[in-house]
Amino acid sequence: MRCYIILTGHQDCHFVTTLAVQWVGQDQREGTIMQVDHHELHREFPEFLDVMQVLRTSDSSFSQMFDEYHNLTSQVERLEEEDVPVDDFTIEEMKKVRVRLKDKMYKLLVAHKNSN
């Protein structure tokens, strides 16, 4: 069985982040094992790898967003992978913040690429 969760963030987002959660089997002690999708920026924006590197070193705002996005992604993945008890609202809010950060960074990446 596959279960898909759609997070849209807010109305200004250019992205719809889709988390495809695939139930891959049963663990006798824990119930269901879940495969966690990873959302590293180099996978999300492979066409902007060079621009990301430039902006991380030249734009402190972009660098701060990049670090915050990375930290949120690590926290969300840890919570999901280790099945840490946390309410759904908390994890969903973390994902919404991450989507907004990704949208802001995308706008900066496109603007920088178009200006060169």
PDB file of N, CA and C in Angstrom:
ATOM      1  N   MET A   1       0.845  -1.167   0.000  1.00  0.00           N
ATOM      2  CA  MET A   1       0.000   0.000   0.000  1.00  0.00           C
ATOM      3  C   MET A   1       0.895   1.236   0.000  1.00  0.00           C
ATOM      4  N   ARG A   2       0.503   2.277  -0.717  1.00  0.00           N
ATOM      5  CA  ARG A   2       1.237   3.536  -0.715  1.00  0.00           C
ATOM      6  C   ARG A   2       0.337   4.632  -0.178  1.00  0.00           C
ATOM      7  N   CYS A   3       0.954   5.508   0.599  1.00  0.00           N
ATOM      8  CA  CYS A   3       0.233   6.627   1.160  1.00  0.00           C
ATOM      9  C   CYS A   3       0.962   7.900   0.751  1.00  0.00           C
ATOM     10  N   TYR A   4       0.270   8.864   0.155  1.00  0.00           N
ATOM     11  CA  TYR A   4       0.890  10.104  -0.284  1.00  0.00           C
ATOM     12  C   TYR A   4       0.353  11.275   0.529  1.00  0.00           C
ATOM     13  N   ILE A   5       1.265  12.100   1.001  1.00  0.00           N
ATOM     14  CA  ILE A   5       0.910  13.282   1.777  1.00  0.00           C
ATOM     15  C   ILE A   5       1.334  14.491   0.968  1.00  0.00           C
ATOM     16  N   ILE A   6       0.455  15.460   0.791  1.00  0.00           N
ATOM     17  CA  ILE A   6       0.773  16.656   0.029  1.00  0.00           C
ATOM     18  C   ILE A   6       0.817  17.847   0.984  1.00  0.00           C
ATOM     19  N   LEU A   7       1.933  18.565   0.959  1.00  0.00           N
ATOM     20  CA  LEU A   7       2.080  19.799   1.722  1.00  0.00           C
ATOM     21  C   LEU A   7       2.203  20.940   0.730  1.00  0.00           C
ATOM     22  N   THR A   8       1.378  21.946   0.847  1.00  0.00           N
ATOM     23  CA  THR A   8       1.446  23.043  -0.107  1.00  0.00           C
ATOM     24  C   THR A   8       2.048  24.306   0.487  1.00  0.00           C
ATOM     25  N   GLY A   9       2.319  24.339   1.785  1.00  0.00           N
ATOM     26  CA  GLY A   9       2.888  25.548   2.367  1.00  0.00           C
ATOM     27  C   GLY A   9       1.862  26.657   2.328  1.00  0.00           C
ATOM     28  N   HIS A  10       2.231  27.791   1.811  1.00  0.00           N
ATOM     29  CA  HIS A  10       1.305  28.906   1.713  1.00  0.00           C
ATOM     30  C   HIS A  10       1.067  29.265   0.250  1.00  0.00           C
ATOM     31  N   GLN A  11       0.167  30.194   0.001  1.00  0.00           N
ATOM     32  CA  GLN A  11      -0.276  30.471  -1.355  1.00  0.00           C
ATOM     33  C   GLN A  11       0.812  31.009  -2.259  1.00  0.00           C
ATOM     34  N   ASP A  12       1.898  31.562  -1.711  1.00  0.00           N
ATOM     35  CA  ASP A  12       2.961  32.100  -2.548  1.00  0.00           C
ATOM     36  C   ASP A  12       3.978  31.050  -2.988  1.00  0.00           C
ATOM     37  N   CYS A  13       3.862  29.846  -2.509  1.00  0.00           N
ATOM     38  CA  CYS A  13       4.850  28.818  -2.831  1.00  0.00           C
ATOM     39  C   CYS A  13       4.752  28.410  -4.293  1.00  0.00           C
ATOM     40  N   HIS A  14       5.895  28.226  -4.902  1.00  0.00           N
ATOM     41  CA  HIS A  14       5.942  27.746  -6.274  1.00  0.00           C
ATOM     42  C   HIS A  14       5.968  26.220  -6.316  1.00  0.00           C
ATOM     43  N   PHE A  15       6.177  25.630  -5.178  1.00  0.00           N
ATOM     44  CA  PHE A  15       6.347  24.190  -5.121  1.00  0.00           C
ATOM     45  C   PHE A  15       5.223  23.524  -4.361  1.00  0.00           C
ATOM     46  N   VAL A  16       4.950  22.346  -4.749  1.00  0.00           N
ATOM     47  CA  VAL A  16       4.134  21.467  -3.936  1.00  0.00           C
ATOM     48  C   VAL A  16       5.057  20.324  -3.572  1.00  0.00           C
ATOM     49  N   THR A  17       5.345  20.227  -2.296  1.00  0.00           N
ATOM     50  CA  THR A  17       6.250  19.178  -1.855  1.00  0.00           C
ATOM     51  C   THR A  17       5.438  17.919  -1.609  1.00  0.00           C
ATOM     52  N   THR A  18       5.832  16.879  -2.234  1.00  0.00           N
ATOM     53  CA  THR A  18       5.143  15.613  -2.087  1.00  0.00           C
ATOM     54  C   THR A  18       6.037  14.655  -1.325  1.00  0.00           C
ATOM     55  N   LEU A  19       5.519  14.177  -0.240  1.00  0.00           N
ATOM     56  CA  LEU A  19       6.228  13.154   0.509  1.00  0.00           C
ATOM     57  C   LEU A  19       5.566  11.829   0.201  1.00  0.00           C
ATOM     58  N   ALA A  20       6.261  10.979  -0.484  1.00  0.00           N
ATOM     59  CA  ALA A  20       5.705   9.675  -0.806  1.00  0.00           C
ATOM     60  C   ALA A  20       6.168   8.709   0.266  1.00  0.00           C
ATOM     61  N   VAL A  21       5.252   8.290   1.063  1.00  0.00           N
ATOM     62  CA  VAL A  21       5.571   7.378   2.153  1.00  0.00           C
ATOM     63  C   VAL A  21       5.126   5.987   1.729  1.00  0.00           C
ATOM     64  N   GLN A  22       6.071   5.120   1.638  1.00  0.00           N
ATOM     65  CA  GLN A  22       5.747   3.778   1.178  1.00  0.00           C
ATOM     66  C   GLN A  22       5.869   2.827   2.364  1.00  0.00           C
ATOM     67  N   TRP A  23       4.819   2.113   2.615  1.00  0.00           N
ATOM     68  CA  TRP A  23       4.851   1.111   3.668  1.00  0.00           C
ATOM     69  C   TRP A  23       5.531  -0.125   3.084  1.00  0.00           C
ATOM     70  N   VAL A  24       6.660  -0.498   3.660  1.00  0.00           N
ATOM     71  CA  VAL A  24       7.467  -1.528   3.034  1.00  0.00           C
ATOM     72  C   VAL A  24       7.415  -2.882   3.737  1.00  0.00           C
ATOM     73  N   GLY A  25       6.769  -2.969   4.858  1.00  0.00           N
ATOM     74  CA  GLY A  25       6.706  -4.262   5.500  1.00  0.00           C
ATOM     75  C   GLY A  25       6.293  -4.146   6.948  1.00  0.00           C
ATOM     76  N   GLN A  26       6.179  -5.263   7.602  1.00  0.00           N
ATOM     77  CA  GLN A  26       5.769  -5.299   9.003  1.00  0.00           C
ATOM     78  C   GLN A  26       6.943  -5.704   9.883  1.00  0.00           C
ATOM     79  N   ASP A  27       7.117  -4.971  10.968  1.00  0.00           N
ATOM     80  CA  ASP A  27       8.095  -5.328  11.994  1.00  0.00           C
ATOM     81  C   ASP A  27       7.283  -5.868  13.168  1.00  0.00           C
ATOM     82  N   GLN A  28       7.619  -7.029  13.671  1.00  0.00           N
ATOM     83  CA  GLN A  28       6.804  -7.664  14.699  1.00  0.00           C
ATOM     84  C   GLN A  28       6.733  -6.837  15.983  1.00  0.00           C
ATOM     85  N   ARG A  29       7.789  -6.090  16.327  1.00  0.00           N
ATOM     86  CA  ARG A  29       7.773  -5.299  17.560  1.00  0.00           C
ATOM     87  C   ARG A  29       7.154  -3.931  17.347  1.00  0.00           C
ATOM     88  N   GLU A  30       7.424  -3.289  16.253  1.00  0.00           N
ATOM     89  CA  GLU A  30       7.069  -1.889  16.056  1.00  0.00           C
ATOM     90  C   GLU A  30       5.843  -1.666  15.176  1.00  0.00           C
ATOM     91  N   GLY A  31       5.336  -2.694  14.522  1.00  0.00           N
ATOM     92  CA  GLY A  31       4.230  -2.482  13.602  1.00  0.00           C
ATOM     93  C   GLY A  31       4.746  -2.273  12.199  1.00  0.00           C
ATOM     94  N   THR A  32       4.523  -1.115  11.631  1.00  0.00           N
ATOM     95  CA  THR A  32       4.869  -0.859  10.239  1.00  0.00           C
ATOM     96  C   THR A  32       6.168  -0.077  10.133  1.00  0.00           C
ATOM     97  N   ILE A  33       6.997  -0.467   9.196  1.00  0.00           N
ATOM     98  CA  ILE A  33       8.245   0.241   8.908  1.00  0.00           C
ATOM     99  C   ILE A  33       7.974   1.205   7.764  1.00  0.00           C
ATOM    100  N   MET A  34       8.474   2.427   7.881  1.00  0.00           N
ATOM    101  CA  MET A  34       8.200   3.440   6.876  1.00  0.00           C
ATOM    102  C   MET A  34       9.505   3.862   6.205  1.00  0.00           C
ATOM    103  N   GLN A  35       9.477   3.978   4.891  1.00  0.00           N
ATOM    104  CA  GLN A  35      10.616   4.504   4.146  1.00  0.00           C
ATOM    105  C   GLN A  35      10.505   6.025   4.146  1.00  0.00           C
ATOM    106  N   VAL A  36      11.583   6.708   4.521  1.00  0.00           N
ATOM    107  CA  VAL A  36      11.581   8.161   4.612  1.00  0.00           C
ATOM    108  C   VAL A  36      12.266   8.738   3.381  1.00  0.00           C
ATOM    109  N   ASP A  37      11.589   9.690   2.722  1.00  0.00           N
ATOM    110  CA  ASP A  37      12.198  10.387   1.589  1.00  0.00           C
ATOM    111  C   ASP A  37      13.133  11.459   2.108  1.00  0.00           C
ATOM    112  N   HIS A  38      14.228  11.655   1.401  1.00  0.00           N
ATOM    113  CA  HIS A  38      15.221  12.655   1.795  1.00  0.00           C
ATOM    114  C   HIS A  38      15.082  13.881   0.898  1.00  0.00           C
ATOM    115  N   HIS A  39      15.257  15.056   1.492  1.00  0.00           N
ATOM    116  CA  HIS A  39      14.998  16.317   0.785  1.00  0.00           C
ATOM    117  C   HIS A  39      16.209  17.239   0.795  1.00  0.00           C
ATOM    118  N   GLU A  40      17.389  16.695   0.547  1.00  0.00           N
ATOM    119  CA  GLU A  40      18.567  17.549   0.466  1.00  0.00           C
ATOM    120  C   GLU A  40      18.436  18.465  -0.747  1.00  0.00           C
ATOM    121  N   LEU A  41      18.948  19.669  -0.616  1.00  0.00           N
ATOM    122  CA  LEU A  41      18.794  20.657  -1.687  1.00  0.00           C
ATOM    123  C   LEU A  41      19.503  20.253  -2.971  1.00  0.00           C
ATOM    124  N   HIS A  42      20.605  19.524  -2.879  1.00  0.00           N
ATOM    125  CA  HIS A  42      21.273  19.104  -4.114  1.00  0.00           C
ATOM    126  C   HIS A  42      20.407  18.124  -4.909  1.00  0.00           C
ATOM    127  N   ARG A  43      19.476  17.431  -4.230  1.00  0.00           N
ATOM    128  CA  ARG A  43      18.532  16.560  -4.935  1.00  0.00           C
ATOM    129  C   ARG A  43      17.313  17.344  -5.422  1.00  0.00           C
ATOM    130  N   GLU A  44      16.917  18.347  -4.672  1.00  0.00           N
ATOM    131  CA  GLU A  44      15.754  19.150  -5.027  1.00  0.00           C
ATOM    132  C   GLU A  44      16.044  20.070  -6.212  1.00  0.00           C
ATOM    133  N   PHE A  45      17.260  20.638  -6.247  1.00  0.00           N
ATOM    134  CA  PHE A  45      17.641  21.601  -7.289  1.00  0.00           C
ATOM    135  C   PHE A  45      18.969  21.222  -7.946  1.00  0.00           C
ATOM    136  N   PRO A  46      19.052  20.089  -8.605  1.00  0.00           N
ATOM    137  CA  PRO A  46      20.343  19.692  -9.192  1.00  0.00           C
ATOM    138  C   PRO A  46      20.833  20.664 -10.259  1.00  0.00           C
ATOM    139  N   GLU A  47      19.922  21.373 -10.906  1.00  0.00           N
ATOM    140  CA  GLU A  47      20.308  22.315 -11.959  1.00  0.00           C
ATOM    141  C   GLU A  47      20.921  23.601 -11.389  1.00  0.00           C
ATOM    142  N   PHE A  48      20.867  23.766 -10.069  1.00  0.00           N
ATOM    143  CA  PHE A  48      21.386  24.984  -9.437  1.00  0.00           C
ATOM    144  C   PHE A  48      22.569  24.716  -8.506  1.00  0.00           C
ATOM    145  N   LEU A  49      23.244  23.603  -8.660  1.00  0.00           N
ATOM    146  CA  LEU A  49      24.349  23.278  -7.745  1.00  0.00           C
ATOM    147  C   LEU A  49      25.419  24.369  -7.714  1.00  0.00           C
ATOM    148  N   ASP A  50      25.809  24.837  -8.895  1.00  0.00           N
ATOM    149  CA  ASP A  50      26.849  25.867  -8.949  1.00  0.00           C
ATOM    150  C   ASP A  50      26.368  27.189  -8.355  1.00  0.00           C
ATOM    151  N   VAL A  51      25.121  27.552  -8.611  1.00  0.00           N
ATOM    152  CA  VAL A  51      24.563  28.795  -8.082  1.00  0.00           C
ATOM    153  C   VAL A  51      24.424  28.713  -6.562  1.00  0.00           C
ATOM    154  N   MET A  52      24.022  27.554  -6.047  1.00  0.00           N
ATOM    155  CA  MET A  52      23.931  27.375  -4.596  1.00  0.00           C
ATOM    156  C   MET A  52      25.275  27.622  -3.933  1.00  0.00           C
ATOM    157  N   GLN A  53      26.326  27.078  -4.532  1.00  0.00           N
ATOM    158  CA  GLN A  53      27.673  27.253  -3.975  1.00  0.00           C
ATOM    159  C   GLN A  53      28.067  28.728  -3.948  1.00  0.00           C
ATOM    160  N   VAL A  54      27.791  29.433  -5.020  1.00  0.00           N
ATOM    161  CA  VAL A  54      28.115  30.864  -5.093  1.00  0.00           C
ATOM    162  C   VAL A  54      27.336  31.639  -4.036  1.00  0.00           C
ATOM    163  N   LEU A  55      26.032  31.401  -3.955  1.00  0.00           N
ATOM    164  CA  LEU A  55      25.195  32.150  -3.013  1.00  0.00           C
ATOM    165  C   LEU A  55      25.506  31.810  -1.558  1.00  0.00           C
ATOM    166  N   ARG A  56      25.896  30.593  -1.298  1.00  0.00           N
ATOM    167  CA  ARG A  56      26.255  30.237   0.091  1.00  0.00           C
ATOM    168  C   ARG A  56      27.460  31.031   0.572  1.00  0.00           C
ATOM    169  N   THR A  57      28.361  31.378  -0.343  1.00  0.00           N
ATOM    170  CA  THR A  57      29.547  32.120   0.067  1.00  0.00           C
ATOM    171  C   THR A  57      29.393  33.629  -0.086  1.00  0.00           C
ATOM    172  N   SER A  58      28.445  34.071  -0.926  1.00  0.00           N
ATOM    173  CA  SER A  58      28.353  35.514  -1.191  1.00  0.00           C
ATOM    174  C   SER A  58      27.108  36.180  -0.614  1.00  0.00           C
ATOM    175  N   ASP A  59      26.096  35.422  -0.232  1.00  0.00           N
ATOM    176  CA  ASP A  59      24.839  35.990   0.255  1.00  0.00           C
ATOM    177  C   ASP A  59      24.517  35.409   1.636  1.00  0.00           C
ATOM    178  N   SER A  60      24.690  36.227   2.671  1.00  0.00           N
ATOM    179  CA  SER A  60      24.494  35.727   4.036  1.00  0.00           C
ATOM    180  C   SER A  60      23.048  35.310   4.291  1.00  0.00           C
ATOM    181  N   SER A  61      22.089  35.978   3.657  1.00  0.00           N
ATOM    182  CA  SER A  61      20.682  35.615   3.816  1.00  0.00           C
ATOM    183  C   SER A  61      20.420  34.225   3.239  1.00  0.00           C
ATOM    184  N   PHE A  62      20.944  33.982   2.038  1.00  0.00           N
ATOM    185  CA  PHE A  62      20.783  32.667   1.420  1.00  0.00           C
ATOM    186  C   PHE A  62      21.474  31.596   2.266  1.00  0.00           C
ATOM    187  N   SER A  63      22.666  31.903   2.727  1.00  0.00           N
ATOM    188  CA  SER A  63      23.420  30.950   3.543  1.00  0.00           C
ATOM    189  C   SER A  63      22.668  30.586   4.820  1.00  0.00           C
ATOM    190  N   GLN A  64      22.058  31.576   5.443  1.00  0.00           N
ATOM    191  CA  GLN A  64      21.282  31.339   6.664  1.00  0.00           C
ATOM    192  C   GLN A  64      20.062  30.464   6.367  1.00  0.00           C
ATOM    193  N   MET A  65      19.353  30.763   5.277  1.00  0.00           N
ATOM    194  CA  MET A  65      18.200  29.940   4.886  1.00  0.00           C
ATOM    195  C   MET A  65      18.637  28.512   4.558  1.00  0.00           C
ATOM    196  N   PHE A  66      19.754  28.384   3.848  1.00  0.00           N
ATOM    197  CA  PHE A  66      20.291  27.081   3.485  1.00  0.00           C
ATOM    198  C   PHE A  66      20.554  26.252   4.743  1.00  0.00           C
ATOM    199  N   ASP A  67      21.217  26.865   5.727  1.00  0.00           N
ATOM    200  CA  ASP A  67      21.526  26.157   6.971  1.00  0.00           C
ATOM    201  C   ASP A  67      20.266  25.790   7.748  1.00  0.00           C
ATOM    202  N   GLU A  68      19.312  26.703   7.796  1.00  0.00           N
ATOM    203  CA  GLU A  68      18.057  26.424   8.496  1.00  0.00           C
ATOM    204  C   GLU A  68      17.299  25.290   7.807  1.00  0.00           C
ATOM    205  N   TYR A  69      17.262  25.310   6.478  1.00  0.00           N
ATOM    206  CA  TYR A  69      16.604  24.248   5.719  1.00  0.00           C
ATOM    207  C   TYR A  69      17.273  22.902   6.019  1.00  0.00           C
ATOM    208  N   HIS A  70      18.603  22.893   5.980  1.00  0.00           N
ATOM    209  CA  HIS A  70      19.341  21.656   6.250  1.00  0.00           C
ATOM    210  C   HIS A  70      19.052  21.144   7.668  1.00  0.00           C
ATOM    211  N   ASN A  71      19.049  22.041   8.642  1.00  0.00           N
ATOM    212  CA  ASN A  71      18.775  21.633  10.030  1.00  0.00           C
ATOM    213  C   ASN A  71      17.361  21.085  10.185  1.00  0.00           C
ATOM    214  N   LEU A  72      16.393  21.754   9.589  1.00  0.00           N
ATOM    215  CA  LEU A  72      15.010  21.265   9.646  1.00  0.00           C
ATOM    216  C   LEU A  72      14.876  19.901   8.980  1.00  0.00           C
ATOM    217  N   THR A  73      15.499  19.748   7.834  1.00  0.00           N
ATOM    218  CA  THR A  73      15.443  18.470   7.125  1.00  0.00           C
ATOM    219  C   THR A  73      16.032  17.358   7.982  1.00  0.00           C
ATOM    220  N   SER A  74      17.155  17.624   8.611  1.00  0.00           N
ATOM    221  CA  SER A  74      17.786  16.623   9.489  1.00  0.00           C
ATOM    222  C   SER A  74      16.880  16.264  10.657  1.00  0.00           C
ATOM    223  N   GLN A  75      16.259  17.270  11.256  1.00  0.00           N
ATOM    224  CA  GLN A  75      15.361  17.021  12.390  1.00  0.00           C
ATOM    225  C   GLN A  75      14.149  16.203  11.973  1.00  0.00           C
ATOM    226  N   VAL A  76      13.519  16.576  10.866  1.00  0.00           N
ATOM    227  CA  VAL A  76      12.331  15.860  10.390  1.00  0.00           C
ATOM    228  C   VAL A  76      12.689  14.416  10.049  1.00  0.00           C
ATOM    229  N   GLU A  77      13.789  14.221   9.336  1.00  0.00           N
ATOM    230  CA  GLU A  77      14.186  12.861   8.961  1.00  0.00           C
ATOM    231  C   GLU A  77      14.511  12.021  10.198  1.00  0.00           C
ATOM    232  N   ARG A  78      15.156  12.616  11.181  1.00  0.00           N
ATOM    233  CA  ARG A  78      15.467  11.878  12.415  1.00  0.00           C
ATOM    234  C   ARG A  78      14.179  11.469  13.120  1.00  0.00           C
ATOM    235  N   LEU A  79      13.232  12.400  13.232  1.00  0.00           N
ATOM    236  CA  LEU A  79      11.957  12.093  13.885  1.00  0.00           C
ATOM    237  C   LEU A  79      11.225  10.973  13.162  1.00  0.00           C
ATOM    238  N   GLU A  80      11.232  11.018  11.833  1.00  0.00           N
ATOM    239  CA  GLU A  80      10.530   9.995  11.059  1.00  0.00           C
ATOM    240  C   GLU A  80      11.271   8.660  11.077  1.00  0.00           C
ATOM    241  N   GLU A  81      12.579   8.688  10.913  1.00  0.00           N
ATOM    242  CA  GLU A  81      13.349   7.438  10.849  1.00  0.00           C
ATOM    243  C   GLU A  81      13.377   6.714  12.190  1.00  0.00           C
ATOM    244  N   GLU A  82      13.504   7.473  13.270  1.00  0.00           N
ATOM    245  CA  GLU A  82      13.595   6.863  14.599  1.00  0.00           C
ATOM    246  C   GLU A  82      12.233   6.700  15.246  1.00  0.00           C
ATOM    247  N   ASP A  83      11.179   7.096  14.522  1.00  0.00           N
ATOM    248  CA  ASP A  83       9.813   6.992  15.019  1.00  0.00           C
ATOM    249  C   ASP A  83       9.690   7.610  16.406  1.00  0.00           C
ATOM    250  N   VAL A  84      10.255   8.807  16.546  1.00  0.00           N
ATOM    251  CA  VAL A  84      10.221   9.536  17.808  1.00  0.00           C
ATOM    252  C   VAL A  84       8.792   9.990  18.069  1.00  0.00           C
ATOM    253  N   PRO A  85       8.299   9.791  19.284  1.00  0.00           N
ATOM    254  CA  PRO A  85       6.936  10.241  19.583  1.00  0.00           C
ATOM    255  C   PRO A  85       6.851  11.773  19.555  1.00  0.00           C
ATOM    256  N   VAL A  86       6.129  12.299  18.596  1.00  0.00           N
ATOM    257  CA  VAL A  86       5.915  13.739  18.462  1.00  0.00           C
ATOM    258  C   VAL A  86       4.563  13.924  17.790  1.00  0.00           C
ATOM    259  N   ASP A  87       3.845  14.970  18.204  1.00  0.00           N
ATOM    260  CA  ASP A  87       2.516  15.151  17.609  1.00  0.00           C
ATOM    261  C   ASP A  87       2.637  15.561  16.148  1.00  0.00           C
ATOM    262  N   ASP A  88       1.626  15.211  15.364  1.00  0.00           N
ATOM    263  CA  ASP A  88       1.619  15.487  13.925  1.00  0.00           C
ATOM    264  C   ASP A  88       1.724  16.970  13.628  1.00  0.00           C
ATOM    265  N   PHE A  89       1.120  17.815  14.464  1.00  0.00           N
ATOM    266  CA  PHE A  89       1.145  19.253  14.239  1.00  0.00           C
ATOM    267  C   PHE A  89       2.579  19.771  14.216  1.00  0.00           C
ATOM    268  N   THR A  90       3.398  19.316  15.142  1.00  0.00           N
ATOM    269  CA  THR A  90       4.791  19.775  15.237  1.00  0.00           C
ATOM    270  C   THR A  90       5.557  19.438  13.975  1.00  0.00           C
ATOM    271  N   ILE A  91       5.475  18.209  13.539  1.00  0.00           N
ATOM    272  CA  ILE A  91       6.237  17.781  12.369  1.00  0.00           C
ATOM    273  C   ILE A  91       5.698  18.453  11.104  1.00  0.00           C
ATOM    274  N   GLU A  92       4.387  18.642  11.013  1.00  0.00           N
ATOM    275  CA  GLU A  92       3.809  19.302   9.841  1.00  0.00           C
ATOM    276  C   GLU A  92       4.225  20.769   9.793  1.00  0.00           C
ATOM    277  N   GLU A  93       4.298  21.432  10.931  1.00  0.00           N
ATOM    278  CA  GLU A  93       4.747  22.826  10.962  1.00  0.00           C
ATOM    279  C   GLU A  93       6.213  22.929  10.531  1.00  0.00           C
ATOM    280  N   MET A  94       7.033  21.978  10.959  1.00  0.00           N
ATOM    281  CA  MET A  94       8.432  21.965  10.541  1.00  0.00           C
ATOM    282  C   MET A  94       8.523  21.821   9.022  1.00  0.00           C
ATOM    283  N   LYS A  95       7.697  20.968   8.458  1.00  0.00           N
ATOM    284  CA  LYS A  95       7.701  20.752   7.008  1.00  0.00           C
ATOM    285  C   LYS A  95       7.212  21.985   6.263  1.00  0.00           C
ATOM    286  N   LYS A  96       6.237  22.689   6.807  1.00  0.00           N
ATOM    287  CA  LYS A  96       5.745  23.916   6.173  1.00  0.00           C
ATOM    288  C   LYS A  96       6.817  25.000   6.171  1.00  0.00           C
ATOM    289  N   VAL A  97       7.537  25.122   7.275  1.00  0.00           N
ATOM    290  CA  VAL A  97       8.635  26.100   7.333  1.00  0.00           C
ATOM    291  C   VAL A  97       9.676  25.740   6.290  1.00  0.00           C
ATOM    292  N   ARG A  98       9.975  24.456   6.180  1.00  0.00           N
ATOM    293  CA  ARG A  98      10.958  23.988   5.205  1.00  0.00           C
ATOM    294  C   ARG A  98      10.522  24.307   3.773  1.00  0.00           C
ATOM    295  N   VAL A  99       9.241  24.147   3.463  1.00  0.00           N
ATOM    296  CA  VAL A  99       8.722  24.460   2.130  1.00  0.00           C
ATOM    297  C   VAL A  99       8.863  25.950   1.847  1.00  0.00           C
ATOM    298  N   ARG A 100       8.549  26.789   2.823  1.00  0.00           N
ATOM    299  CA  ARG A 100       8.676  28.240   2.624  1.00  0.00           C
ATOM    300  C   ARG A 100      10.133  28.627   2.398  1.00  0.00           C
ATOM    301  N   LEU A 101      11.048  28.019   3.152  1.00  0.00           N
ATOM    302  CA  LEU A 101      12.476  28.288   2.944  1.00  0.00           C
ATOM    303  C   LEU A 101      12.903  27.867   1.544  1.00  0.00           C
ATOM    304  N   LYS A 102      12.452  26.707   1.121  1.00  0.00           N
ATOM    305  CA  LYS A 102      12.820  26.204  -0.206  1.00  0.00           C
ATOM    306  C   LYS A 102      12.307  27.133  -1.288  1.00  0.00           C
ATOM    307  N   ASP A 103      11.105  27.651  -1.118  1.00  0.00           N
ATOM    308  CA  ASP A 103      10.533  28.572  -2.094  1.00  0.00           C
ATOM    309  C   ASP A 103      11.342  29.868  -2.164  1.00  0.00           C
ATOM    310  N   LYS A 104      11.706  30.412  -1.022  1.00  0.00           N
ATOM    311  CA  LYS A 104      12.510  31.645  -0.992  1.00  0.00           C
ATOM    312  C   LYS A 104      13.878  31.419  -1.641  1.00  0.00           C
ATOM    313  N   MET A 105      14.498  30.285  -1.333  1.00  0.00           N
ATOM    314  CA  MET A 105      15.807  29.999  -1.921  1.00  0.00           C
ATOM    315  C   MET A 105      15.701  29.806  -3.426  1.00  0.00           C
ATOM    316  N   TYR A 106      14.634  29.166  -3.878  1.00  0.00           N
ATOM    317  CA  TYR A 106      14.443  28.967  -5.310  1.00  0.00           C
ATOM    318  C   TYR A 106      14.364  30.311  -6.034  1.00  0.00           C
ATOM    319  N   LYS A 107      13.619  31.248  -5.467  1.00  0.00           N
ATOM    320  CA  LYS A 107      13.504  32.579  -6.074  1.00  0.00           C
ATOM    321  C   LYS A 107      14.875  33.247  -6.183  1.00  0.00           C
ATOM    322  N   LEU A 108      15.678  33.114  -5.127  1.00  0.00           N
ATOM    323  CA  LEU A 108      17.034  33.694  -5.176  1.00  0.00           C
ATOM    324  C   LEU A 108      17.904  32.986  -6.195  1.00  0.00           C
ATOM    325  N   LEU A 109      17.793  31.678  -6.289  1.00  0.00           N
ATOM    326  CA  LEU A 109      18.594  30.905  -7.250  1.00  0.00           C
ATOM    327  C   LEU A 109      18.239  31.315  -8.684  1.00  0.00           C
ATOM    328  N   VAL A 110      16.966  31.418  -8.979  1.00  0.00           N
ATOM    329  CA  VAL A 110      16.523  31.784 -10.323  1.00  0.00           C
ATOM    330  C   VAL A 110      16.972  33.208 -10.644  1.00  0.00           C
ATOM    331  N   ALA A 111      16.790  34.130  -9.701  1.00  0.00           N
ATOM    332  CA  ALA A 111      17.171  35.519  -9.922  1.00  0.00           C
ATOM    333  C   ALA A 111      18.672  35.619 -10.188  1.00  0.00           C
ATOM    334  N   HIS A 112      19.467  34.897  -9.418  1.00  0.00           N
ATOM    335  CA  HIS A 112      20.913  34.945  -9.607  1.00  0.00           C
ATOM    336  C   HIS A 112      21.313  34.342 -10.958  1.00  0.00           C
ATOM    337  N   LYS A 113      20.714  33.218 -11.295  1.00  0.00           N
ATOM    338  CA  LYS A 113      21.043  32.571 -12.567  1.00  0.00           C
ATOM    339  C   LYS A 113      20.633  33.446 -13.757  1.00  0.00           C
ATOM    340  N   ASN A 114      19.487  34.107 -13.661  1.00  0.00           N
ATOM    341  CA  ASN A 114      19.016  34.968 -14.747  1.00  0.00           C
ATOM    342  C   ASN A 114      19.811  36.254 -14.862  1.00  0.00           C
ATOM    343  N   SER A 115      20.454  36.682 -13.789  1.00  0.00           N
ATOM    344  CA  SER A 115      21.224  37.916 -13.827  1.00  0.00           C
ATOM    345  C   SER A 115      22.625  37.708 -14.425  1.00  0.00           C
ATOM    346  N   ASN A 116      23.017  36.470 -14.573  1.00  0.00           N
ATOM    347  CA  ASN A 116      24.356  36.178 -15.127  1.00  0.00           C
ATOM    348  C   ASN A 116      24.289  35.702 -16.554  1.00  0.00           C
TER     349      ASN A 116
END
